[in-house]
Amino acid sequence: MPQHQSAIKRVRQNKKRREHNRAQRSKMRTLITNVMDETDKEKAQELYKKATSYVDKMSSKGILHENKAARKKSQMSKHINNL
């Protein structure tokens, strides 16, 4: 366990950020799954817009790597085009 006050505070901050980022990633995965499970093309396109926007936000905040964000968007668009 940390002994210095600044290290104790850093542990608190890290825990708070980790929980927040975890929730953000979970929401992103749910949005992606909703797109991939959809069979109606029009509804899938609506969900794709929301998911793409959210994936870009996660990428810009550093929660998700840029290449992974691009890969996920590509997978979703490929799925929609195959509908």
PDB file of N, CA and C in Angstrom:
ATOM      1  N   MET A   1       0.834  -1.189   0.000  1.00  0.00           N
ATOM      2  CA  MET A   1       0.000   0.000   0.000  1.00  0.00           C
ATOM      3  C   MET A   1       0.877   1.251   0.000  1.00  0.00           C
ATOM      4  N   PRO A   2       0.399   2.272  -0.671  1.00  0.00           N
ATOM      5  CA  PRO A   2       1.183   3.511  -0.722  1.00  0.00           C
ATOM      6  C   PRO A   2       1.237   4.189   0.644  1.00  0.00           C
ATOM      7  N   GLN A   3       2.335   4.845   0.882  1.00  0.00           N
ATOM      8  CA  GLN A   3       2.558   5.503   2.173  1.00  0.00           C
ATOM      9  C   GLN A   3       2.374   7.021   2.080  1.00  0.00           C
ATOM     10  N   HIS A   4       2.771   7.596   0.958  1.00  0.00           N
ATOM     11  CA  HIS A   4       2.699   9.047   0.817  1.00  0.00           C
ATOM     12  C   HIS A   4       1.287   9.483   0.428  1.00  0.00           C
ATOM     13  N   GLN A   5       0.946  10.687   0.857  1.00  0.00           N
ATOM     14  CA  GLN A   5      -0.397  11.211   0.606  1.00  0.00           C
ATOM     15  C   GLN A   5      -0.689  11.311  -0.889  1.00  0.00           C
ATOM     16  N   SER A   6       0.312  11.742  -1.663  1.00  0.00           N
ATOM     17  CA  SER A   6       0.097  11.883  -3.100  1.00  0.00           C
ATOM     18  C   SER A   6      -0.131  10.516  -3.761  1.00  0.00           C
ATOM     19  N   ALA A   7       0.543   9.486  -3.269  1.00  0.00           N
ATOM     20  CA  ALA A   7       0.362   8.144  -3.820  1.00  0.00           C
ATOM     21  C   ALA A   7      -1.014   7.587  -3.453  1.00  0.00           C
ATOM     22  N   ILE A   8      -1.473   7.896  -2.254  1.00  0.00           N
ATOM     23  CA  ILE A   8      -2.808   7.459  -1.824  1.00  0.00           C
ATOM     24  C   ILE A   8      -3.871   8.111  -2.705  1.00  0.00           C
ATOM     25  N   LYS A   9      -3.690   9.407  -2.975  1.00  0.00           N
ATOM     26  CA  LYS A   9      -4.627  10.120  -3.831  1.00  0.00           C
ATOM     27  C   LYS A   9      -4.602   9.545  -5.250  1.00  0.00           C
ATOM     28  N   ARG A  10      -3.405   9.210  -5.744  1.00  0.00           N
ATOM     29  CA  ARG A  10      -3.271   8.649  -7.079  1.00  0.00           C
ATOM     30  C   ARG A  10      -4.020   7.319  -7.191  1.00  0.00           C
ATOM     31  N   VAL A  11      -3.990   6.509  -6.143  1.00  0.00           N
ATOM     32  CA  VAL A  11      -4.726   5.238  -6.140  1.00  0.00           C
ATOM     33  C   VAL A  11      -6.222   5.504  -6.254  1.00  0.00           C
ATOM     34  N   ARG A  12      -6.714   6.491  -5.514  1.00  0.00           N
ATOM     35  CA  ARG A  12      -8.135   6.849  -5.590  1.00  0.00           C
ATOM     36  C   ARG A  12      -8.508   7.308  -6.996  1.00  0.00           C
ATOM     37  N   GLN A  13      -7.676   8.166  -7.574  1.00  0.00           N
ATOM     38  CA  GLN A  13      -7.962   8.687  -8.906  1.00  0.00           C
ATOM     39  C   GLN A  13      -7.949   7.575  -9.951  1.00  0.00           C
ATOM     40  N   ASN A  14      -6.967   6.688  -9.854  1.00  0.00           N
ATOM     41  CA  ASN A  14      -6.862   5.599 -10.811  1.00  0.00           C
ATOM     42  C   ASN A  14      -8.085   4.692 -10.747  1.00  0.00           C
ATOM     43  N   LYS A  15      -8.549   4.420  -9.536  1.00  0.00           N
ATOM     44  CA  LYS A  15      -9.725   3.563  -9.370  1.00  0.00           C
ATOM     45  C   LYS A  15     -10.950   4.207 -10.017  1.00  0.00           C
ATOM     46  N   LYS A  16     -11.128   5.503  -9.763  1.00  0.00           N
ATOM     47  CA  LYS A  16     -12.269   6.222 -10.311  1.00  0.00           C
ATOM     48  C   LYS A  16     -12.220   6.244 -11.841  1.00  0.00           C
ATOM     49  N   ARG A  17     -11.046   6.517 -12.396  1.00  0.00           N
ATOM     50  CA  ARG A  17     -10.901   6.562 -13.852  1.00  0.00           C
ATOM     51  C   ARG A  17     -11.088   5.186 -14.469  1.00  0.00           C
ATOM     52  N   ARG A  18     -10.565   4.158 -13.800  1.00  0.00           N
ATOM     53  CA  ARG A  18     -10.687   2.793 -14.317  1.00  0.00           C
ATOM     54  C   ARG A  18     -12.157   2.384 -14.403  1.00  0.00           C
ATOM     55  N   GLU A  19     -12.930   2.700 -13.369  1.00  0.00           N
ATOM     56  CA  GLU A  19     -14.354   2.363 -13.369  1.00  0.00           C
ATOM     57  C   GLU A  19     -15.102   3.132 -14.453  1.00  0.00           C
ATOM     58  N   HIS A  20     -14.762   4.394 -14.628  1.00  0.00           N
ATOM     59  CA  HIS A  20     -15.413   5.206 -15.654  1.00  0.00           C
ATOM     60  C   HIS A  20     -15.095   4.672 -17.045  1.00  0.00           C
ATOM     61  N   ASN A  21     -13.822   4.389 -17.299  1.00  0.00           N
ATOM     62  CA  ASN A  21     -13.418   3.872 -18.609  1.00  0.00           C
ATOM     63  C   ASN A  21     -14.048   2.508 -18.886  1.00  0.00           C
ATOM     64  N   ARG A  22     -14.156   1.704 -17.841  1.00  0.00           N
ATOM     65  CA  ARG A  22     -14.757   0.379 -17.996  1.00  0.00           C
ATOM     66  C   ARG A  22     -16.221   0.505 -18.430  1.00  0.00           C
ATOM     67  N   ALA A  23     -16.936   1.433 -17.829  1.00  0.00           N
ATOM     68  CA  ALA A  23     -18.334   1.661 -18.189  1.00  0.00           C
ATOM     69  C   ALA A  23     -18.443   2.168 -19.625  1.00  0.00           C
ATOM     70  N   GLN A  24     -17.527   3.043 -20.011  1.00  0.00           N
ATOM     71  CA  GLN A  24     -17.534   3.574 -21.370  1.00  0.00           C
ATOM     72  C   GLN A  24     -17.288   2.465 -22.396  1.00  0.00           C
ATOM     73  N   ARG A  25     -16.319   1.591 -22.121  1.00  0.00           N
ATOM     74  CA  ARG A  25     -16.028   0.482 -23.030  1.00  0.00           C
ATOM     75  C   ARG A  25     -17.205  -0.476 -23.123  1.00  0.00           C
ATOM     76  N   SER A  26     -17.861  -0.699 -22.003  1.00  0.00           N
ATOM     77  CA  SER A  26     -19.013  -1.596 -21.978  1.00  0.00           C
ATOM     78  C   SER A  26     -20.137  -1.040 -22.851  1.00  0.00           C
ATOM     79  N   LYS A  27     -20.397   0.247 -22.740  1.00  0.00           N
ATOM     80  CA  LYS A  27     -21.436   0.883 -23.549  1.00  0.00           C
ATOM     81  C   LYS A  27     -21.085   0.789 -25.029  1.00  0.00           C
ATOM     82  N   MET A  28     -19.811   0.998 -25.357  1.00  0.00           N
ATOM     83  CA  MET A  28     -19.369   0.921 -26.737  1.00  0.00           C
ATOM     84  C   MET A  28     -19.577  -0.485 -27.291  1.00  0.00           C
ATOM     85  N   ARG A  29     -19.223  -1.496 -26.519  1.00  0.00           N
ATOM     86  CA  ARG A  29     -19.393  -2.880 -26.967  1.00  0.00           C
ATOM     87  C   ARG A  29     -20.865  -3.208 -27.193  1.00  0.00           C
ATOM     88  N   THR A  30     -21.726  -2.681 -26.336  1.00  0.00           N
ATOM     89  CA  THR A  30     -23.162  -2.908 -26.485  1.00  0.00           C
ATOM     90  C   THR A  30     -23.668  -2.287 -27.779  1.00  0.00           C
ATOM     91  N   LEU A  31     -23.236  -1.068 -28.075  1.00  0.00           N
ATOM     92  CA  LEU A  31     -23.656  -0.398 -29.305  1.00  0.00           C
ATOM     93  C   LEU A  31     -23.192  -1.174 -30.533  1.00  0.00           C
ATOM     94  N   ILE A  32     -21.964  -1.670 -30.497  1.00  0.00           N
ATOM     95  CA  ILE A  32     -21.428  -2.441 -31.625  1.00  0.00           C
ATOM     96  C   ILE A  32     -22.209  -3.740 -31.795  1.00  0.00           C
ATOM     97  N   THR A  33     -22.497  -4.409 -30.684  1.00  0.00           N
ATOM     98  CA  THR A  33     -23.252  -5.668 -30.744  1.00  0.00           C
ATOM     99  C   THR A  33     -24.644  -5.436 -31.309  1.00  0.00           C
ATOM    100  N   ASN A  34     -25.273  -4.326 -30.942  1.00  0.00           N
ATOM    101  CA  ASN A  34     -26.607  -4.022 -31.465  1.00  0.00           C
ATOM    102  C   ASN A  34     -26.583  -3.883 -32.981  1.00  0.00           C
ATOM    103  N   VAL A  35     -25.542  -3.263 -33.504  1.00  0.00           N
ATOM    104  CA  VAL A  35     -25.423  -3.111 -34.954  1.00  0.00           C
ATOM    105  C   VAL A  35     -25.213  -4.471 -35.610  1.00  0.00           C
ATOM    106  N   MET A  36     -24.324  -5.267 -35.039  1.00  0.00           N
ATOM    107  CA  MET A  36     -23.969  -6.549 -35.651  1.00  0.00           C
ATOM    108  C   MET A  36     -25.112  -7.562 -35.581  1.00  0.00           C
ATOM    109  N   ASP A  37     -25.987  -7.436 -34.608  1.00  0.00           N
ATOM    110  CA  ASP A  37     -27.106  -8.374 -34.466  1.00  0.00           C
ATOM    111  C   ASP A  37     -28.328  -7.968 -35.281  1.00  0.00           C
ATOM    112  N   GLU A  38     -28.348  -6.744 -35.764  1.00  0.00           N
ATOM    113  CA  GLU A  38     -29.514  -6.236 -36.493  1.00  0.00           C
ATOM    114  C   GLU A  38     -29.599  -6.873 -37.887  1.00  0.00           C
ATOM    115  N   THR A  39     -30.809  -7.220 -38.291  1.00  0.00           N
ATOM    116  CA  THR A  39     -31.016  -7.814 -39.616  1.00  0.00           C
ATOM    117  C   THR A  39     -31.704  -6.861 -40.574  1.00  0.00           C
ATOM    118  N   ASP A  40     -32.327  -5.815 -40.055  1.00  0.00           N
ATOM    119  CA  ASP A  40     -32.968  -4.811 -40.899  1.00  0.00           C
ATOM    120  C   ASP A  40     -31.939  -3.741 -41.265  1.00  0.00           C
ATOM    121  N   LYS A  41     -31.753  -3.515 -42.558  1.00  0.00           N
ATOM    122  CA  LYS A  41     -30.692  -2.618 -43.019  1.00  0.00           C
ATOM    123  C   LYS A  41     -30.905  -1.176 -42.568  1.00  0.00           C
ATOM    124  N   GLU A  42     -32.137  -0.679 -42.646  1.00  0.00           N
ATOM    125  CA  GLU A  42     -32.396   0.712 -42.265  1.00  0.00           C
ATOM    126  C   GLU A  42     -32.143   0.943 -40.785  1.00  0.00           C
ATOM    127  N   LYS A  43     -32.615   0.026 -39.968  1.00  0.00           N
ATOM    128  CA  LYS A  43     -32.404   0.168 -38.525  1.00  0.00           C
ATOM    129  C   LYS A  43     -30.925   0.015 -38.187  1.00  0.00           C
ATOM    130  N   ALA A  44     -30.249  -0.870 -38.899  1.00  0.00           N
ATOM    131  CA  ALA A  44     -28.818  -1.074 -38.674  1.00  0.00           C
ATOM    132  C   ALA A  44     -28.038   0.196 -39.003  1.00  0.00           C
ATOM    133  N   GLN A  45     -28.453   0.917 -40.040  1.00  0.00           N
ATOM    134  CA  GLN A  45     -27.770   2.157 -40.407  1.00  0.00           C
ATOM    135  C   GLN A  45     -27.938   3.229 -39.337  1.00  0.00           C
ATOM    136  N   GLU A  46     -29.123   3.292 -38.732  1.00  0.00           N
ATOM    137  CA  GLU A  46     -29.341   4.244 -37.637  1.00  0.00           C
ATOM    138  C   GLU A  46     -28.442   3.903 -36.450  1.00  0.00           C
ATOM    139  N   LEU A  47     -28.411   2.625 -36.107  1.00  0.00           N
ATOM    140  CA  LEU A  47     -27.570   2.186 -34.995  1.00  0.00           C
ATOM    141  C   LEU A  47     -26.091   2.394 -35.314  1.00  0.00           C
ATOM    142  N   TYR A  48     -25.743   2.239 -36.587  1.00  0.00           N
ATOM    143  CA  TYR A  48     -24.355   2.415 -37.024  1.00  0.00           C
ATOM    144  C   TYR A  48     -23.888   3.847 -36.786  1.00  0.00           C
ATOM    145  N   LYS A  49     -24.766   4.822 -37.050  1.00  0.00           N
ATOM    146  CA  LYS A  49     -24.402   6.220 -36.833  1.00  0.00           C
ATOM    147  C   LYS A  49     -24.071   6.483 -35.371  1.00  0.00           C
ATOM    148  N   LYS A  50     -24.915   5.963 -34.477  1.00  0.00           N
ATOM    149  CA  LYS A  50     -24.680   6.153 -33.045  1.00  0.00           C
ATOM    150  C   LYS A  50     -23.401   5.461 -32.607  1.00  0.00           C
ATOM    151  N   ALA A  51     -23.225   4.225 -33.063  1.00  0.00           N
ATOM    152  CA  ALA A  51     -22.061   3.438 -32.661  1.00  0.00           C
ATOM    153  C   ALA A  51     -20.774   4.062 -33.192  1.00  0.00           C
ATOM    154  N   THR A  52     -20.791   4.513 -34.434  1.00  0.00           N
ATOM    155  CA  THR A  52     -19.602   5.112 -35.027  1.00  0.00           C
ATOM    156  C   THR A  52     -19.198   6.382 -34.290  1.00  0.00           C
ATOM    157  N   SER A  53     -20.186   7.195 -33.975  1.00  0.00           N
ATOM    158  CA  SER A  53     -19.913   8.423 -33.232  1.00  0.00           C
ATOM    159  C   SER A  53     -19.277   8.104 -31.883  1.00  0.00           C
ATOM    160  N   TYR A  54     -19.829   7.110 -31.203  1.00  0.00           N
ATOM    161  CA  TYR A  54     -19.323   6.755 -29.881  1.00  0.00           C
ATOM    162  C   TYR A  54     -17.930   6.155 -29.959  1.00  0.00           C
ATOM    163  N   VAL A  55     -17.687   5.317 -30.964  1.00  0.00           N
ATOM    164  CA  VAL A  55     -16.363   4.712 -31.141  1.00  0.00           C
ATOM    165  C   VAL A  55     -15.330   5.802 -31.400  1.00  0.00           C
ATOM    166  N   ASP A  56     -15.689   6.801 -32.201  1.00  0.00           N
ATOM    167  CA  ASP A  56     -14.766   7.909 -32.466  1.00  0.00           C
ATOM    168  C   ASP A  56     -14.462   8.694 -31.195  1.00  0.00           C
ATOM    169  N   LYS A  57     -15.473   8.887 -30.359  1.00  0.00           N
ATOM    170  CA  LYS A  57     -15.245   9.596 -29.094  1.00  0.00           C
ATOM    171  C   LYS A  57     -14.279   8.823 -28.204  1.00  0.00           C
ATOM    172  N   MET A  58     -14.474   7.510 -28.138  1.00  0.00           N
ATOM    173  CA  MET A  58     -13.599   6.688 -27.306  1.00  0.00           C
ATOM    174  C   MET A  58     -12.166   6.712 -27.831  1.00  0.00           C
ATOM    175  N   SER A  59     -12.039   6.744 -29.143  1.00  0.00           N
ATOM    176  CA  SER A  59     -10.718   6.797 -29.760  1.00  0.00           C
ATOM    177  C   SER A  59     -10.030   8.125 -29.461  1.00  0.00           C
ATOM    178  N   SER A  60     -10.778   9.213 -29.553  1.00  0.00           N
ATOM    179  CA  SER A  60     -10.181  10.528 -29.323  1.00  0.00           C
ATOM    180  C   SER A  60      -9.798  10.731 -27.862  1.00  0.00           C
ATOM    181  N   LYS A  61     -10.506  10.068 -26.950  1.00  0.00           N
ATOM    182  CA  LYS A  61     -10.196  10.190 -25.529  1.00  0.00           C
ATOM    183  C   LYS A  61      -9.081   9.255 -25.081  1.00  0.00           C
ATOM    184  N   GLY A  62      -8.673   8.345 -25.974  1.00  0.00           N
ATOM    185  CA  GLY A  62      -7.581   7.447 -25.643  1.00  0.00           C
ATOM    186  C   GLY A  62      -8.029   6.173 -24.956  1.00  0.00           C
ATOM    187  N   ILE A  63      -9.322   5.950 -24.855  1.00  0.00           N
ATOM    188  CA  ILE A  63      -9.831   4.731 -24.232  1.00  0.00           C
ATOM    189  C   ILE A  63      -9.700   3.565 -25.202  1.00  0.00           C
ATOM    190  N   LEU A  64      -9.725   3.879 -26.489  1.00  0.00           N
ATOM    191  CA  LEU A  64      -9.662   2.871 -27.538  1.00  0.00           C
ATOM    192  C   LEU A  64      -8.587   3.293 -28.543  1.00  0.00           C
ATOM    193  N   HIS A  65      -7.786   2.334 -29.006  1.00  0.00           N
ATOM    194  CA  HIS A  65      -6.738   2.644 -29.973  1.00  0.00           C
ATOM    195  C   HIS A  65      -7.370   3.033 -31.311  1.00  0.00           C
ATOM    196  N   GLU A  66      -6.726   3.939 -32.024  1.00  0.00           N
ATOM    197  CA  GLU A  66      -7.268   4.436 -33.294  1.00  0.00           C
ATOM    198  C   GLU A  66      -7.478   3.309 -34.297  1.00  0.00           C
ATOM    199  N   ASN A  67      -6.535   2.393 -34.379  1.00  0.00           N
ATOM    200  CA  ASN A  67      -6.650   1.298 -35.351  1.00  0.00           C
ATOM    201  C   ASN A  67      -7.792   0.360 -34.992  1.00  0.00           C
ATOM    202  N   LYS A  68      -7.991   0.118 -33.718  1.00  0.00           N
ATOM    203  CA  LYS A  68      -9.098  -0.739 -33.302  1.00  0.00           C
ATOM    204  C   LYS A  68     -10.429  -0.066 -33.620  1.00  0.00           C
ATOM    205  N   ALA A  69     -10.496   1.241 -33.424  1.00  0.00           N
ATOM    206  CA  ALA A  69     -11.717   1.979 -33.745  1.00  0.00           C
ATOM    207  C   ALA A  69     -12.016   1.862 -35.238  1.00  0.00           C
ATOM    208  N   ALA A  70     -10.994   2.025 -36.054  1.00  0.00           N
ATOM    209  CA  ALA A  70     -11.179   1.917 -37.502  1.00  0.00           C
ATOM    210  C   ALA A  70     -11.613   0.507 -37.886  1.00  0.00           C
ATOM    211  N   ARG A  71     -11.032  -0.490 -37.234  1.00  0.00           N
ATOM    212  CA  ARG A  71     -11.373  -1.880 -37.530  1.00  0.00           C
ATOM    213  C   ARG A  71     -12.826  -2.173 -37.176  1.00  0.00           C
ATOM    214  N   LYS A  72     -13.276  -1.697 -36.026  1.00  0.00           N
ATOM    215  CA  LYS A  72     -14.656  -1.922 -35.602  1.00  0.00           C
ATOM    216  C   LYS A  72     -15.639  -1.239 -36.544  1.00  0.00           C
ATOM    217  N   LYS A  73     -15.326  -0.008 -36.948  1.00  0.00           N
ATOM    218  CA  LYS A  73     -16.205   0.703 -37.872  1.00  0.00           C
ATOM    219  C   LYS A  73     -16.274  -0.027 -39.211  1.00  0.00           C
ATOM    220  N   SER A  74     -15.143  -0.542 -39.644  1.00  0.00           N
ATOM    221  CA  SER A  74     -15.097  -1.284 -40.894  1.00  0.00           C
ATOM    222  C   SER A  74     -15.928  -2.560 -40.812  1.00  0.00           C
ATOM    223  N   GLN A  75     -15.832  -3.256 -39.707  1.00  0.00           N
ATOM    224  CA  GLN A  75     -16.603  -4.490 -39.526  1.00  0.00           C
ATOM    225  C   GLN A  75     -18.099  -4.202 -39.541  1.00  0.00           C
ATOM    226  N   MET A  76     -18.501  -3.119 -38.882  1.00  0.00           N
ATOM    227  CA  MET A  76     -19.917  -2.770 -38.851  1.00  0.00           C
ATOM    228  C   MET A  76     -20.417  -2.378 -40.237  1.00  0.00           C
ATOM    229  N   SER A  77     -19.639  -1.580 -40.970  1.00  0.00           N
ATOM    230  CA  SER A  77     -20.078  -1.164 -42.303  1.00  0.00           C
ATOM    231  C   SER A  77     -20.122  -2.357 -43.251  1.00  0.00           C
ATOM    232  N   LYS A  78     -19.200  -3.286 -43.108  1.00  0.00           N
ATOM    233  CA  LYS A  78     -19.207  -4.492 -43.932  1.00  0.00           C
ATOM    234  C   LYS A  78     -20.470  -5.306 -43.655  1.00  0.00           C
ATOM    235  N   HIS A  79     -20.845  -5.407 -42.388  1.00  0.00           N
ATOM    236  CA  HIS A  79     -22.050  -6.137 -42.008  1.00  0.00           C
ATOM    237  C   HIS A  79     -23.293  -5.490 -42.640  1.00  0.00           C
ATOM    238  N   ILE A  80     -23.361  -4.169 -42.565  1.00  0.00           N
ATOM    239  CA  ILE A  80     -24.517  -3.449 -43.111  1.00  0.00           C
ATOM    240  C   ILE A  80     -24.585  -3.616 -44.633  1.00  0.00           C
ATOM    241  N   ASN A  81     -23.437  -3.555 -45.289  1.00  0.00           N
ATOM    242  CA  ASN A  81     -23.431  -3.695 -46.746  1.00  0.00           C
ATOM    243  C   ASN A  81     -23.850  -5.098 -47.182  1.00  0.00           C
ATOM    244  N   ASN A  82     -23.635  -6.086 -46.331  1.00  0.00           N
ATOM    245  CA  ASN A  82     -24.008  -7.458 -46.673  1.00  0.00           C
ATOM    246  C   ASN A  82     -25.482  -7.747 -46.388  1.00  0.00           C
ATOM    247  N   LEU A  83     -26.187  -6.815 -45.745  1.00  0.00           N
ATOM    248  CA  LEU A  83     -27.598  -7.042 -45.465  1.00  0.00           C
ATOM    249  C   LEU A  83     -28.444  -6.920 -46.729  1.00  0.00           C
TER     250      LEU A  83
END
